[in-house]
Amino acid sequence: MNLQKNVLLAPLTTIKLGGAAQEYISCTSTEEIIPALQYAKEKNLRVHVLGGGSNTIFPDTGFTGLTIHMQTKGITHEDQADGTTLLLAQAGENWDAVVQYAIEHDLAGIECLSGIPGSCGGTPFQNVGAYGQDVSETIRTVHAINRATLAQEDFSSRECGFGYRTSRFKEQDRDRYIITAVVFALVKRGAPKLVYPELQAAFASAQNEASADQNNIQLVRDAVLALRKKKSMLIDPQDPNSVSCGSFFTNPIIPKKEFTENQTLLQSNIPNFPEKNNCVKLSAGWLIEHAGFAKGMRVGNVGISDNHSLALVNRGGTAQELLAFAKTIQDAVQEKFNITLALEPIVVSSS
């Protein structure tokens, strides 16, 4: 067990914020996780599990406890009799590497999720999605370790309790499990998913420039990567707007009755989309901009991305500055539209 002390956490996150981990263990195999949990229990240490760091904000004072950094690697796939292909990826695998692996093997089902930063283990936690595709559509099984019993447990997709950008692992079972691997059911030579007009247009453009033998799911990946790059939603050391957590707020989902009774929203002609259970999904980016926060806005050493109104950017600031700015945005949206914006990243407490 490779235990380290006072390891800086900011470089391990995409937003580059946070102090040091009091104690830190990098787990490169599933077998290393249980000794790490046992050590934390013996020393009475809080535990934070870190993946790719794309959706995590550590406090400026650091984390007083044990940070377990999941860096397990490995991707395999196996064709099934029912026509699907099961792809097994370890939790520490870079998510985009998983998508690229699938596309290289002509497996459809996660192509719209190209370029999303973070690790594979974080995708079921958040029910990661983009351009009309969520991982819940293809996840077959989630393997996890119960932190209390140290037993391996497996969850079917139905048992994961997936919702919009959430799951049982984020909600009722928060901090109860460590996800170790994820199994995806993909389709060999399947058709790509194209439901967003923006992606449809980008895909059509890519098709026009492609050779006849180019794979369609590869073209979708190329189109998604181009769109994300334009919005500074790819991790790029040369792009200061990419020093972010991606989307900082989730799109609000409210009952349709509440929407129709909110005259401010109706009169503003806010973009809205039908959701399950007679609900409506609103555009958080639209709400932010119409509450007075434009792209490129700066407050001290933090601000909003020049290229995406949902991305809050660290420009040399602190976690305290960033969260204060986020609160200002939430308050303004609440006051003007009576809508509560929820944070998408995990904000880790210092103690």
Protein backbone atom coordinates (compact mmCIF):
# COMPACT_ATOMS: atom_id res chain seq x y z
CA MET A 1 0.00 0.00 0.00
CA ASN A 2 1.67 3.16 -1.25
CA LEU A 3 0.61 5.71 1.37
CA GLN A 4 1.63 9.34 0.86
CA LYS A 5 1.04 12.44 2.98
CA ASN A 6 0.26 16.05 2.08
CA VAL A 7 -0.33 15.41 -1.61
CA LEU A 8 -1.56 18.47 -3.52
CA LEU A 9 -5.07 17.88 -4.83
CA ALA A 10 -5.47 20.80 -7.25
CA PRO A 11 -3.32 19.20 -9.99
CA LEU A 12 -5.50 16.07 -9.79
CA THR A 13 -8.63 18.02 -10.80
CA THR A 14 -9.61 19.71 -14.04
CA ILE A 15 -10.48 22.98 -12.30
CA LYS A 16 -7.11 23.08 -10.49
CA LEU A 17 -8.44 24.06 -7.07
CA GLY A 18 -7.95 22.74 -3.56
CA GLY A 19 -5.29 22.23 -0.91
CA ALA A 20 -3.50 19.05 0.10
CA ALA A 21 -4.73 15.59 1.02
CA GLN A 22 -3.70 14.75 4.56
CA GLU A 23 -3.17 11.16 3.43
CA TYR A 24 -3.33 9.74 -0.08
CA ILE A 25 -3.30 6.31 -1.65
CA SER A 26 -3.26 5.59 -5.38
CA CYS A 27 -5.02 2.29 -6.13
CA THR A 28 -3.88 0.69 -9.38
CA SER A 29 -5.74 -2.57 -8.75
CA THR A 30 -9.06 -3.48 -7.15
CA GLU A 31 -7.19 -5.58 -4.60
CA GLU A 32 -5.56 -2.46 -3.17
CA ILE A 33 -8.88 -0.85 -2.24
CA ILE A 34 -9.78 -3.05 0.73
CA PRO A 35 -6.46 -2.51 2.60
CA ALA A 36 -6.89 1.23 2.03
CA LEU A 37 -10.38 1.16 3.55
CA GLN A 38 -9.14 -0.96 6.45
CA TYR A 39 -6.35 1.53 7.09
CA ALA A 40 -8.82 4.43 7.12
CA LYS A 41 -11.04 2.57 9.59
CA GLU A 42 -8.11 1.78 11.91
CA LYS A 43 -6.97 5.42 11.88
CA ASN A 44 -10.55 6.77 12.05
CA LEU A 45 -10.04 8.76 8.85
CA ARG A 46 -12.71 10.13 6.55
CA VAL A 47 -12.41 8.76 3.03
CA HIS A 48 -12.86 10.57 -0.27
CA VAL A 49 -12.70 8.56 -3.49
CA LEU A 50 -11.20 10.49 -6.39
CA GLY A 51 -11.47 9.46 -10.02
CA GLY A 52 -10.53 11.68 -12.94
CA GLY A 53 -11.10 14.87 -10.95
CA SER A 54 -13.36 16.41 -13.58
CA ASN A 55 -16.34 16.88 -11.32
CA THR A 56 -14.70 17.58 -7.96
CA ILE A 57 -13.98 20.79 -6.05
CA PHE A 58 -11.72 20.41 -3.05
CA PRO A 59 -11.57 23.14 -0.38
CA ASP A 60 -8.61 25.50 -0.27
CA THR A 61 -7.66 24.01 3.11
CA GLY A 62 -7.41 20.53 1.61
CA PHE A 63 -8.96 17.27 2.75
CA THR A 64 -8.37 16.03 6.29
CA GLY A 65 -8.65 12.31 5.80
CA LEU A 66 -7.64 9.66 3.29
CA THR A 67 -8.02 10.30 -0.43
CA ILE A 68 -8.25 7.07 -2.41
CA HIS A 69 -7.32 7.80 -6.01
CA MET A 70 -8.80 5.21 -8.37
CA GLN A 71 -6.25 4.51 -11.11
CA THR A 72 -7.20 0.99 -12.10
CA LYS A 73 -6.83 0.22 -15.82
CA GLY A 74 -8.18 -2.30 -18.27
CA ILE A 75 -10.79 -2.58 -21.04
CA THR A 76 -12.06 -5.82 -22.56
CA HIS A 77 -15.07 -6.82 -24.65
CA GLU A 78 -16.96 -10.01 -25.46
CA ASP A 79 -19.66 -10.66 -28.05
CA GLN A 80 -22.92 -12.12 -26.73
CA ALA A 81 -25.46 -14.52 -28.24
CA ASP A 82 -28.16 -11.83 -28.12
CA GLY A 83 -26.23 -9.66 -30.57
CA THR A 84 -24.83 -7.23 -28.02
CA THR A 85 -21.20 -6.85 -27.05
CA LEU A 86 -20.33 -6.46 -23.39
CA LEU A 87 -17.53 -4.00 -22.76
CA LEU A 88 -15.92 -4.15 -19.31
CA ALA A 89 -13.91 -1.11 -18.20
CA GLN A 90 -12.11 -0.62 -14.91
CA ALA A 91 -13.16 2.39 -12.85
CA GLY A 92 -9.85 4.23 -13.18
CA GLU A 93 -9.83 4.15 -16.96
CA ASN A 94 -10.00 7.53 -18.66
CA TRP A 95 -13.57 7.81 -19.90
CA ASP A 96 -12.69 9.10 -23.35
CA ALA A 97 -10.29 6.18 -23.76
CA VAL A 98 -13.25 3.86 -23.12
CA VAL A 99 -15.30 5.62 -25.81
CA GLN A 100 -12.40 5.49 -28.25
CA TYR A 101 -11.91 1.77 -27.56
CA ALA A 102 -15.58 1.12 -28.28
CA ILE A 103 -15.46 3.01 -31.56
CA GLU A 104 -12.23 1.33 -32.65
CA HIS A 105 -14.06 -1.99 -32.21
CA ASP A 106 -17.12 -0.69 -34.10
CA LEU A 107 -19.34 -0.71 -30.99
CA ALA A 108 -22.18 1.83 -30.89
CA GLY A 109 -23.88 3.18 -27.79
CA ILE A 110 -21.55 5.73 -26.17
CA GLU A 111 -20.25 7.70 -29.18
CA CYS A 112 -22.06 10.93 -28.21
CA LEU A 113 -20.17 10.89 -24.89
CA SER A 114 -16.80 11.44 -26.57
CA GLY A 115 -14.47 13.96 -25.01
CA ILE A 116 -16.13 14.07 -21.59
CA PRO A 117 -13.31 14.32 -19.06
CA GLY A 118 -13.09 12.07 -16.01
CA SER A 119 -12.88 8.38 -15.26
CA CYS A 120 -15.13 5.47 -16.17
CA GLY A 121 -16.09 4.87 -12.53
CA GLY A 122 -17.63 8.32 -12.32
CA THR A 123 -20.02 7.78 -15.21
CA PRO A 124 -22.69 5.72 -13.38
CA PHE A 125 -22.36 7.92 -10.30
CA GLN A 126 -23.42 10.96 -12.32
CA ASN A 127 -25.30 9.17 -15.10
CA VAL A 128 -23.06 11.08 -17.48
CA GLY A 129 -24.74 12.26 -20.64
CA ALA A 130 -24.42 14.59 -23.60
CA TYR A 131 -26.10 15.24 -26.95
CA GLY A 132 -29.12 13.11 -26.07
CA GLN A 133 -27.23 10.04 -24.85
CA ASP A 134 -26.74 8.87 -21.23
CA VAL A 135 -24.63 6.00 -19.90
CA SER A 136 -27.77 4.58 -18.27
CA GLU A 137 -28.89 3.53 -21.76
CA THR A 138 -26.03 1.06 -22.11
CA ILE A 139 -24.84 0.17 -18.60
CA ARG A 140 -25.54 -3.50 -17.94
CA THR A 141 -23.76 -3.94 -14.58
CA VAL A 142 -21.88 -1.81 -12.05
CA HIS A 143 -19.32 -3.60 -9.86
CA ALA A 144 -18.64 -1.98 -6.50
CA ILE A 145 -17.16 -2.55 -3.05
CA ASN A 146 -19.31 -1.88 -0.01
CA ARG A 147 -17.24 0.43 2.20
CA ALA A 148 -18.72 -0.94 5.42
CA THR A 149 -18.66 -4.69 4.75
CA LEU A 150 -15.77 -4.66 2.21
CA ALA A 151 -17.82 -7.09 0.12
CA GLN A 152 -18.07 -6.96 -3.66
CA GLU A 153 -21.60 -6.10 -4.85
CA ASP A 154 -23.00 -5.99 -8.36
CA PHE A 155 -25.85 -3.76 -9.53
CA SER A 156 -27.97 -4.15 -12.63
CA SER A 157 -28.89 -1.01 -14.55
CA ARG A 158 -32.35 -1.07 -12.98
CA GLU A 159 -30.83 -1.32 -9.48
CA CYS A 160 -28.66 1.75 -10.07
CA GLY A 161 -31.62 4.11 -9.75
CA PHE A 162 -30.56 6.27 -12.67
CA GLY A 163 -32.10 9.69 -13.18
CA TYR A 164 -31.08 12.92 -14.86
CA ARG A 165 -27.41 13.34 -13.88
CA THR A 166 -27.87 11.15 -10.82
CA SER A 167 -28.01 7.60 -9.46
CA ARG A 168 -28.29 5.73 -6.16
CA PHE A 169 -24.51 6.15 -5.79
CA LYS A 170 -24.91 9.94 -5.78
CA GLU A 171 -28.12 10.08 -3.75
CA GLN A 172 -29.30 7.56 -1.13
CA ASP A 173 -26.10 5.47 -1.22
CA ARG A 174 -23.67 8.37 -1.31
CA ASP A 175 -20.31 7.31 0.20
CA ARG A 176 -21.54 3.75 0.69
CA TYR A 177 -19.82 2.15 -2.29
CA ILE A 178 -16.64 2.41 -4.34
CA ILE A 179 -17.34 1.64 -7.97
CA THR A 180 -14.63 -0.68 -9.30
CA ALA A 181 -15.75 -1.48 -12.86
CA VAL A 182 -18.61 -0.92 -15.28
CA VAL A 183 -20.07 -3.24 -17.93
CA PHE A 184 -21.68 -1.65 -21.01
CA ALA A 185 -23.93 -3.47 -23.46
CA LEU A 186 -23.04 -2.06 -26.90
CA VAL A 187 -24.09 -2.92 -30.44
CA LYS A 188 -21.60 -4.17 -33.01
CA ARG A 189 -21.86 -2.09 -36.18
CA GLY A 190 -24.83 -0.30 -34.64
CA ALA A 191 -26.22 2.98 -35.88
CA PRO A 192 -25.07 6.12 -34.03
CA LYS A 193 -27.52 8.09 -31.96
CA LEU A 194 -28.33 11.44 -33.54
CA VAL A 195 -31.12 13.35 -31.81
CA TYR A 196 -29.66 16.82 -31.18
CA PRO A 197 -30.00 19.17 -34.18
CA GLU A 198 -26.58 20.66 -33.44
CA LEU A 199 -24.95 17.23 -33.63
CA GLN A 200 -27.00 16.23 -36.66
CA ALA A 201 -25.68 19.26 -38.54
CA ALA A 202 -22.08 18.63 -37.46
CA PHE A 203 -22.38 14.95 -38.44
CA ALA A 204 -23.81 15.82 -41.86
CA SER A 205 -20.89 18.19 -42.44
CA ALA A 206 -18.40 15.49 -41.40
CA GLN A 207 -20.08 12.98 -43.73
CA ASN A 208 -19.73 15.34 -46.68
CA GLU A 209 -15.98 15.54 -46.12
CA ALA A 210 -15.43 11.85 -45.31
CA SER A 211 -14.48 9.00 -47.57
CA ALA A 212 -17.14 6.41 -48.36
CA ASP A 213 -15.61 3.74 -46.14
CA GLN A 214 -15.40 5.83 -42.95
CA ASN A 215 -17.26 4.50 -39.93
CA ASN A 216 -20.37 6.51 -38.98
CA ILE A 217 -19.82 6.20 -35.23
CA GLN A 218 -16.27 7.49 -35.75
CA LEU A 219 -17.73 10.45 -37.65
CA VAL A 220 -20.10 11.11 -34.74
CA ARG A 221 -17.14 11.04 -32.36
CA ASP A 222 -15.23 13.48 -34.58
CA ALA A 223 -18.27 15.78 -34.71
CA VAL A 224 -18.77 15.67 -30.95
CA LEU A 225 -15.10 16.39 -30.28
CA ALA A 226 -15.22 19.36 -32.65
CA LEU A 227 -18.33 20.75 -30.95
CA ARG A 228 -16.85 20.29 -27.47
CA LYS A 229 -13.58 21.92 -28.51
CA LYS A 230 -15.45 24.94 -29.87
CA LYS A 231 -17.15 25.30 -26.47
CA SER A 232 -13.90 24.74 -24.51
CA MET A 233 -15.38 21.56 -23.07
CA LEU A 234 -12.32 19.48 -23.86
CA ILE A 235 -9.35 19.47 -21.51
CA ASP A 236 -6.73 21.49 -23.36
CA PRO A 237 -3.63 22.93 -21.64
CA GLN A 238 -3.59 25.64 -24.31
CA ASP A 239 -7.17 26.74 -23.60
CA PRO A 240 -7.65 28.70 -20.34
CA ASN A 241 -11.42 28.31 -20.70
CA SER A 242 -11.07 24.56 -20.17
CA VAL A 243 -9.90 24.98 -16.57
CA SER A 244 -13.36 24.09 -15.36
CA CYS A 245 -15.64 21.28 -14.21
CA GLY A 246 -17.56 21.39 -17.45
CA SER A 247 -21.20 22.21 -16.80
CA PHE A 248 -21.36 23.70 -13.31
CA PHE A 249 -25.15 23.57 -13.00
CA THR A 250 -27.67 20.96 -14.10
CA ASN A 251 -30.63 21.90 -16.25
CA PRO A 252 -33.62 22.30 -13.89
CA ILE A 253 -36.47 19.83 -14.25
CA ILE A 254 -39.77 21.07 -12.83
CA PRO A 255 -43.40 19.90 -12.95
CA LYS A 256 -45.21 21.12 -16.04
CA LYS A 257 -47.89 22.69 -13.80
CA GLU A 258 -45.22 24.74 -12.03
CA PHE A 259 -43.82 25.83 -15.38
CA THR A 260 -47.19 26.98 -16.75
CA GLU A 261 -47.90 28.90 -13.54
CA ASN A 262 -44.56 30.73 -13.70
CA GLN A 263 -45.53 33.74 -15.80
CA THR A 264 -41.98 35.14 -15.80
CA LEU A 265 -40.71 32.00 -17.51
CA LEU A 266 -43.57 31.83 -19.97
CA GLN A 267 -43.25 35.46 -20.99
CA SER A 268 -39.49 35.05 -21.41
CA ASN A 269 -39.95 32.23 -23.95
CA ILE A 270 -37.31 30.12 -22.24
CA PRO A 271 -36.24 27.00 -24.14
CA ASN A 272 -38.01 24.03 -22.58
CA PHE A 273 -38.18 20.33 -23.30
CA PRO A 274 -40.72 17.69 -22.21
CA GLU A 275 -39.50 15.20 -19.61
CA LYS A 276 -40.91 12.09 -17.94
CA ASN A 277 -43.60 12.26 -15.26
CA ASN A 278 -45.26 15.34 -16.78
CA CYS A 279 -42.21 17.51 -16.15
CA VAL A 280 -40.32 20.12 -18.17
CA LYS A 281 -36.55 20.56 -18.50
CA LEU A 282 -35.29 24.14 -18.69
CA SER A 283 -32.01 25.51 -20.03
CA ALA A 284 -29.73 26.45 -17.15
CA GLY A 285 -27.46 28.34 -19.54
CA TRP A 286 -30.37 30.48 -20.73
CA LEU A 287 -31.41 31.21 -17.14
CA ILE A 288 -27.87 32.25 -16.23
CA GLU A 289 -27.46 34.56 -19.20
CA HIS A 290 -30.87 36.16 -18.73
CA ALA A 291 -30.15 36.71 -15.04
CA GLY A 292 -27.29 38.99 -16.07
CA PHE A 293 -24.25 36.70 -16.34
CA ALA A 294 -22.72 36.78 -19.80
CA LYS A 295 -20.11 34.50 -21.30
CA GLY A 296 -16.64 35.77 -20.46
CA MET A 297 -17.74 37.56 -17.30
CA ARG A 298 -15.04 37.73 -14.62
CA VAL A 299 -15.30 38.29 -10.89
CA GLY A 300 -11.86 38.46 -9.33
CA ASN A 301 -9.92 35.42 -10.47
CA VAL A 302 -12.89 33.27 -11.49
CA GLY A 303 -15.62 33.70 -14.06
CA ILE A 304 -17.74 32.25 -16.83
CA SER A 305 -16.16 30.61 -19.86
CA ASP A 306 -15.89 32.74 -22.97
CA ASN A 307 -17.47 29.89 -24.90
CA HIS A 308 -20.05 28.24 -22.64
CA SER A 309 -22.39 29.91 -20.18
CA LEU A 310 -22.65 26.79 -17.99
CA ALA A 311 -18.91 26.48 -17.37
CA LEU A 312 -17.38 28.37 -14.46
CA VAL A 313 -13.67 28.87 -14.98
CA ASN A 314 -10.74 29.15 -12.58
CA ARG A 315 -8.44 31.95 -13.72
CA GLY A 316 -6.00 31.73 -10.84
CA GLY A 317 -8.54 31.99 -8.04
CA THR A 318 -9.56 29.90 -5.06
CA ALA A 319 -12.31 27.40 -4.36
CA GLN A 320 -13.87 29.93 -2.01
CA GLU A 321 -14.01 32.53 -4.79
CA LEU A 322 -15.51 30.09 -7.25
CA LEU A 323 -18.22 28.83 -4.90
CA ALA A 324 -19.10 32.39 -3.86
CA PHE A 325 -19.55 33.30 -7.53
CA ALA A 326 -21.69 30.21 -8.08
CA LYS A 327 -23.86 31.24 -5.13
CA THR A 328 -24.28 34.72 -6.61
CA ILE A 329 -25.52 33.16 -9.86
CA GLN A 330 -27.90 30.84 -7.99
CA ASP A 331 -29.33 33.71 -5.98
CA ALA A 332 -29.87 35.87 -9.06
CA VAL A 333 -31.65 33.09 -10.98
CA GLN A 334 -33.77 32.32 -7.93
CA GLU A 335 -34.76 35.95 -7.49
CA LYS A 336 -35.59 36.60 -11.15
CA PHE A 337 -37.16 33.30 -12.19
CA ASN A 338 -37.99 31.51 -8.93
CA ILE A 339 -35.90 28.57 -10.15
CA THR A 340 -33.25 26.80 -8.07
CA LEU A 341 -30.06 25.88 -9.92
CA ALA A 342 -28.35 22.76 -8.56
CA LEU A 343 -24.58 22.34 -8.69
CA GLU A 344 -23.31 19.49 -10.84
CA PRO A 345 -19.79 19.09 -9.33
CA ILE A 346 -19.14 17.43 -5.99
CA VAL A 347 -18.04 19.99 -3.42
CA VAL A 348 -15.87 18.21 -0.86
CA SER A 349 -15.99 19.48 2.72
CA SER A 350 -12.70 20.12 4.50
CA SER A 351 -13.68 18.31 7.69
